[in-house]
Structures are given as structure tokens and as C-alpha cells.
């Protein structure tokens, strides 16, 4: 992903980014399940 390459090799930042993306995807999935 372009975002990861933009951050670089900082594993900590990359991990936090992945966690945020995972949360956003989970919220999006919940909204779809709720029909919102």
C-alpha cells in the first residue's frame, strides 16, 4: 500500500496504522450489518 511505503520501515508506526485500518474496516462491516 502507498500509505505503508510513505511511512517507511517504522514497524511501530506501521503497526499502529494497521490497527487503525482494522478498526475502520470493522466499524464499516458493522455499519453494513446494521444496514446503516
PDB file of N, CA and C in Angstrom:
ATOM      1  N   UNK A   1       0.838  -1.203   0.000  1.00  0.00           N
ATOM      2  CA  UNK A   1       0.000   0.000   0.000  1.00  0.00           C
ATOM      3  C   UNK A   1       0.866   1.243   0.000  1.00  0.00           C
ATOM      4  N   UNK A   2       0.389   2.285  -0.647  1.00  0.00           N
ATOM      5  CA  UNK A   2       1.151   3.528  -0.739  1.00  0.00           C
ATOM      6  C   UNK A   2       1.343   4.147   0.644  1.00  0.00           C
ATOM      7  N   UNK A   3       0.330   4.024   1.500  1.00  0.00           N
ATOM      8  CA  UNK A   3       0.420   4.619   2.827  1.00  0.00           C
ATOM      9  C   UNK A   3       1.561   3.993   3.617  1.00  0.00           C
ATOM     10  N   UNK A   4       1.696   2.672   3.526  1.00  0.00           N
ATOM     11  CA  UNK A   4       2.759   1.995   4.266  1.00  0.00           C
ATOM     12  C   UNK A   4       4.123   2.451   3.773  1.00  0.00           C
ATOM     13  N   UNK A   5       4.296   2.528   2.440  1.00  0.00           N
ATOM     14  CA  UNK A   5       5.588   2.918   1.885  1.00  0.00           C
ATOM     15  C   UNK A   5       5.892   4.370   2.253  1.00  0.00           C
ATOM     16  N   UNK A   6       4.854   5.186   2.393  1.00  0.00           N
ATOM     17  CA  UNK A   6       5.059   6.591   2.739  1.00  0.00           C
ATOM     18  C   UNK A   6       5.576   6.704   4.172  1.00  0.00           C
ATOM     19  N   UNK A   7       5.087   5.828   5.041  1.00  0.00           N
ATOM     20  CA  UNK A   7       5.535   5.851   6.433  1.00  0.00           C
ATOM     21  C   UNK A   7       6.967   5.356   6.537  1.00  0.00           C
ATOM     22  N   UNK A   8       7.305   4.365   5.741  1.00  0.00           N
ATOM     23  CA  UNK A   8       8.667   3.846   5.774  1.00  0.00           C
ATOM     24  C   UNK A   8       8.756   2.540   6.535  1.00  0.00           C
ATOM     25  N   UNK A   9       9.928   2.264   7.109  1.00  0.00           N
ATOM     26  CA  UNK A   9      10.166   0.982   7.774  1.00  0.00           C
ATOM     27  C   UNK A   9       9.923   1.062   9.279  1.00  0.00           C
ATOM     28  N   UNK A  10       9.235   2.096   9.733  1.00  0.00           N
ATOM     29  CA  UNK A  10       8.970   2.217  11.168  1.00  0.00           C
ATOM     30  C   UNK A  10       7.901   1.200  11.553  1.00  0.00           C
ATOM     31  N   UNK A  11       8.328   0.080  12.102  1.00  0.00           N
ATOM     32  CA  UNK A  11       7.396  -1.006  12.425  1.00  0.00           C
ATOM     33  C   UNK A  11       6.323  -0.534  13.410  1.00  0.00           C
ATOM     34  N   UNK A  12       6.679   0.348  14.343  1.00  0.00           N
ATOM     35  CA  UNK A  12       5.716   0.822  15.333  1.00  0.00           C
ATOM     36  C   UNK A  12       4.612   1.625  14.651  1.00  0.00           C
ATOM     37  N   UNK A  13       4.990   2.560  13.801  1.00  0.00           N
ATOM     38  CA  UNK A  13       4.000   3.375  13.102  1.00  0.00           C
ATOM     39  C   UNK A  13       3.170   2.504  12.177  1.00  0.00           C
ATOM     40  N   UNK A  14       3.830   1.563  11.524  1.00  0.00           N
ATOM     41  CA  UNK A  14       3.126   0.696  10.587  1.00  0.00           C
ATOM     42  C   UNK A  14       2.119  -0.170  11.345  1.00  0.00           C
ATOM     43  N   UNK A  15       2.511  -0.636  12.525  1.00  0.00           N
ATOM     44  CA  UNK A  15       1.604  -1.469  13.317  1.00  0.00           C
ATOM     45  C   UNK A  15       0.391  -0.652  13.759  1.00  0.00           C
ATOM     46  N   UNK A  16       0.621   0.568  14.242  1.00  0.00           N
ATOM     47  CA  UNK A  16      -0.484   1.407  14.695  1.00  0.00           C
ATOM     48  C   UNK A  16      -1.413   1.717  13.529  1.00  0.00           C
ATOM     49  N   UNK A  17      -0.842   1.943  12.342  1.00  0.00           N
ATOM     50  CA  UNK A  17      -1.654   2.231  11.159  1.00  0.00           C
ATOM     51  C   UNK A  17      -2.524   1.029  10.832  1.00  0.00           C
ATOM     52  N   UNK A  18      -1.938  -0.159  10.885  1.00  0.00           N
ATOM     53  CA  UNK A  18      -2.702  -1.371  10.586  1.00  0.00           C
ATOM     54  C   UNK A  18      -3.826  -1.554  11.594  1.00  0.00           C
ATOM     55  N   UNK A  19      -3.563  -1.211  12.864  1.00  0.00           N
ATOM     56  CA  UNK A  19      -4.601  -1.346  13.887  1.00  0.00           C
ATOM     57  C   UNK A  19      -5.752  -0.394  13.597  1.00  0.00           C
ATOM     58  N   UNK A  20      -5.416   0.850  13.208  1.00  0.00           N
ATOM     59  CA  UNK A  20      -6.451   1.838  12.891  1.00  0.00           C
ATOM     60  C   UNK A  20      -7.263   1.378  11.690  1.00  0.00           C
ATOM     61  N   UNK A  21      -6.563   0.904  10.654  1.00  0.00           N
ATOM     62  CA  UNK A  21      -7.262   0.426   9.455  1.00  0.00           C
ATOM     63  C   UNK A  21      -8.172  -0.740   9.815  1.00  0.00           C
ATOM     64  N   UNK A  22      -7.698  -1.631  10.672  1.00  0.00           N
ATOM     65  CA  UNK A  22      -8.506  -2.785  11.076  1.00  0.00           C
ATOM     66  C   UNK A  22      -9.765  -2.323  11.802  1.00  0.00           C
ATOM     67  N   UNK A  23      -9.626  -1.314  12.669  1.00  0.00           N
ATOM     68  CA  UNK A  23     -10.778  -0.797  13.405  1.00  0.00           C
ATOM     69  C   UNK A  23     -11.770  -0.156  12.446  1.00  0.00           C
ATOM     70  N   UNK A  24     -11.257   0.611  11.471  1.00  0.00           N
ATOM     71  CA  UNK A  24     -12.141   1.258  10.497  1.00  0.00           C
ATOM     72  C   UNK A  24     -12.892   0.211   9.686  1.00  0.00           C
ATOM     73  N   UNK A  25     -12.186  -0.830   9.265  1.00  0.00           N
ATOM     74  CA  UNK A  25     -12.820  -1.891   8.479  1.00  0.00           C
ATOM     75  C   UNK A  25     -13.878  -2.605   9.315  1.00  0.00           C
ATOM     76  N   UNK A  26     -13.581  -2.814  10.597  1.00  0.00           N
ATOM     77  CA  UNK A  26     -14.537  -3.487  11.477  1.00  0.00           C
ATOM     78  C   UNK A  26     -15.784  -2.623  11.652  1.00  0.00           C
ATOM     79  N   UNK A  27     -15.585  -1.312  11.865  1.00  0.00           N
ATOM     80  CA  UNK A  27     -16.722  -0.405  12.009  1.00  0.00           C
ATOM     81  C   UNK A  27     -17.548  -0.379  10.730  1.00  0.00           C
ATOM     82  N   UNK A  28     -16.868  -0.357   9.588  1.00  0.00           N
ATOM     83  CA  UNK A  28     -17.570  -0.342   8.300  1.00  0.00           C
ATOM     84  C   UNK A  28     -18.392  -1.616   8.149  1.00  0.00           C
ATOM     85  N   UNK A  29     -17.829  -2.749   8.555  1.00  0.00           N
ATOM     86  CA  UNK A  29     -18.549  -4.018   8.465  1.00  0.00           C
ATOM     87  C   UNK A  29     -19.770  -4.008   9.369  1.00  0.00           C
ATOM     88  N   UNK A  30     -19.631  -3.433  10.564  1.00  0.00           N
ATOM     89  CA  UNK A  30     -20.757  -3.369  11.491  1.00  0.00           C
ATOM     90  C   UNK A  30     -21.856  -2.486  10.913  1.00  0.00           C
ATOM     91  N   UNK A  31     -21.482  -1.366  10.295  1.00  0.00           N
ATOM     92  CA  UNK A  31     -22.478  -0.474   9.700  1.00  0.00           C
ATOM     93  C   UNK A  31     -23.237  -1.199   8.599  1.00  0.00           C
ATOM     94  N   UNK A  32     -22.514  -2.008   7.810  1.00  0.00           N
ATOM     95  CA  UNK A  32     -23.166  -2.755   6.735  1.00  0.00           C
ATOM     96  C   UNK A  32     -24.133  -3.773   7.331  1.00  0.00           C
ATOM     97  N   UNK A  33     -23.723  -4.428   8.419  1.00  0.00           N
ATOM     98  CA  UNK A  33     -24.590  -5.419   9.052  1.00  0.00           C
ATOM     99  C   UNK A  33     -25.836  -4.743   9.617  1.00  0.00           C
ATOM    100  N   UNK A  34     -25.663  -3.526  10.124  1.00  0.00           N
ATOM    101  CA  UNK A  34     -26.793  -2.801  10.697  1.00  0.00           C
ATOM    102  C   UNK A  34     -27.636  -2.124   9.617  1.00  0.00           C
ATOM    103  N   UNK A  35     -27.163  -2.146   8.370  1.00  0.00           N
ATOM    104  CA  UNK A  35     -27.898  -1.520   7.282  1.00  0.00           C
ATOM    105  C   UNK A  35     -27.792  -0.005   7.320  1.00  0.00           C
ATOM    106  N   UNK A  36     -26.769   0.502   8.035  1.00  0.00           N
ATOM    107  CA  UNK A  36     -26.621   1.942   8.170  1.00  0.00           C
ATOM    108  C   UNK A  36     -25.805   2.519   7.065  1.00  0.00           C
TER     109      UNK A  36
END
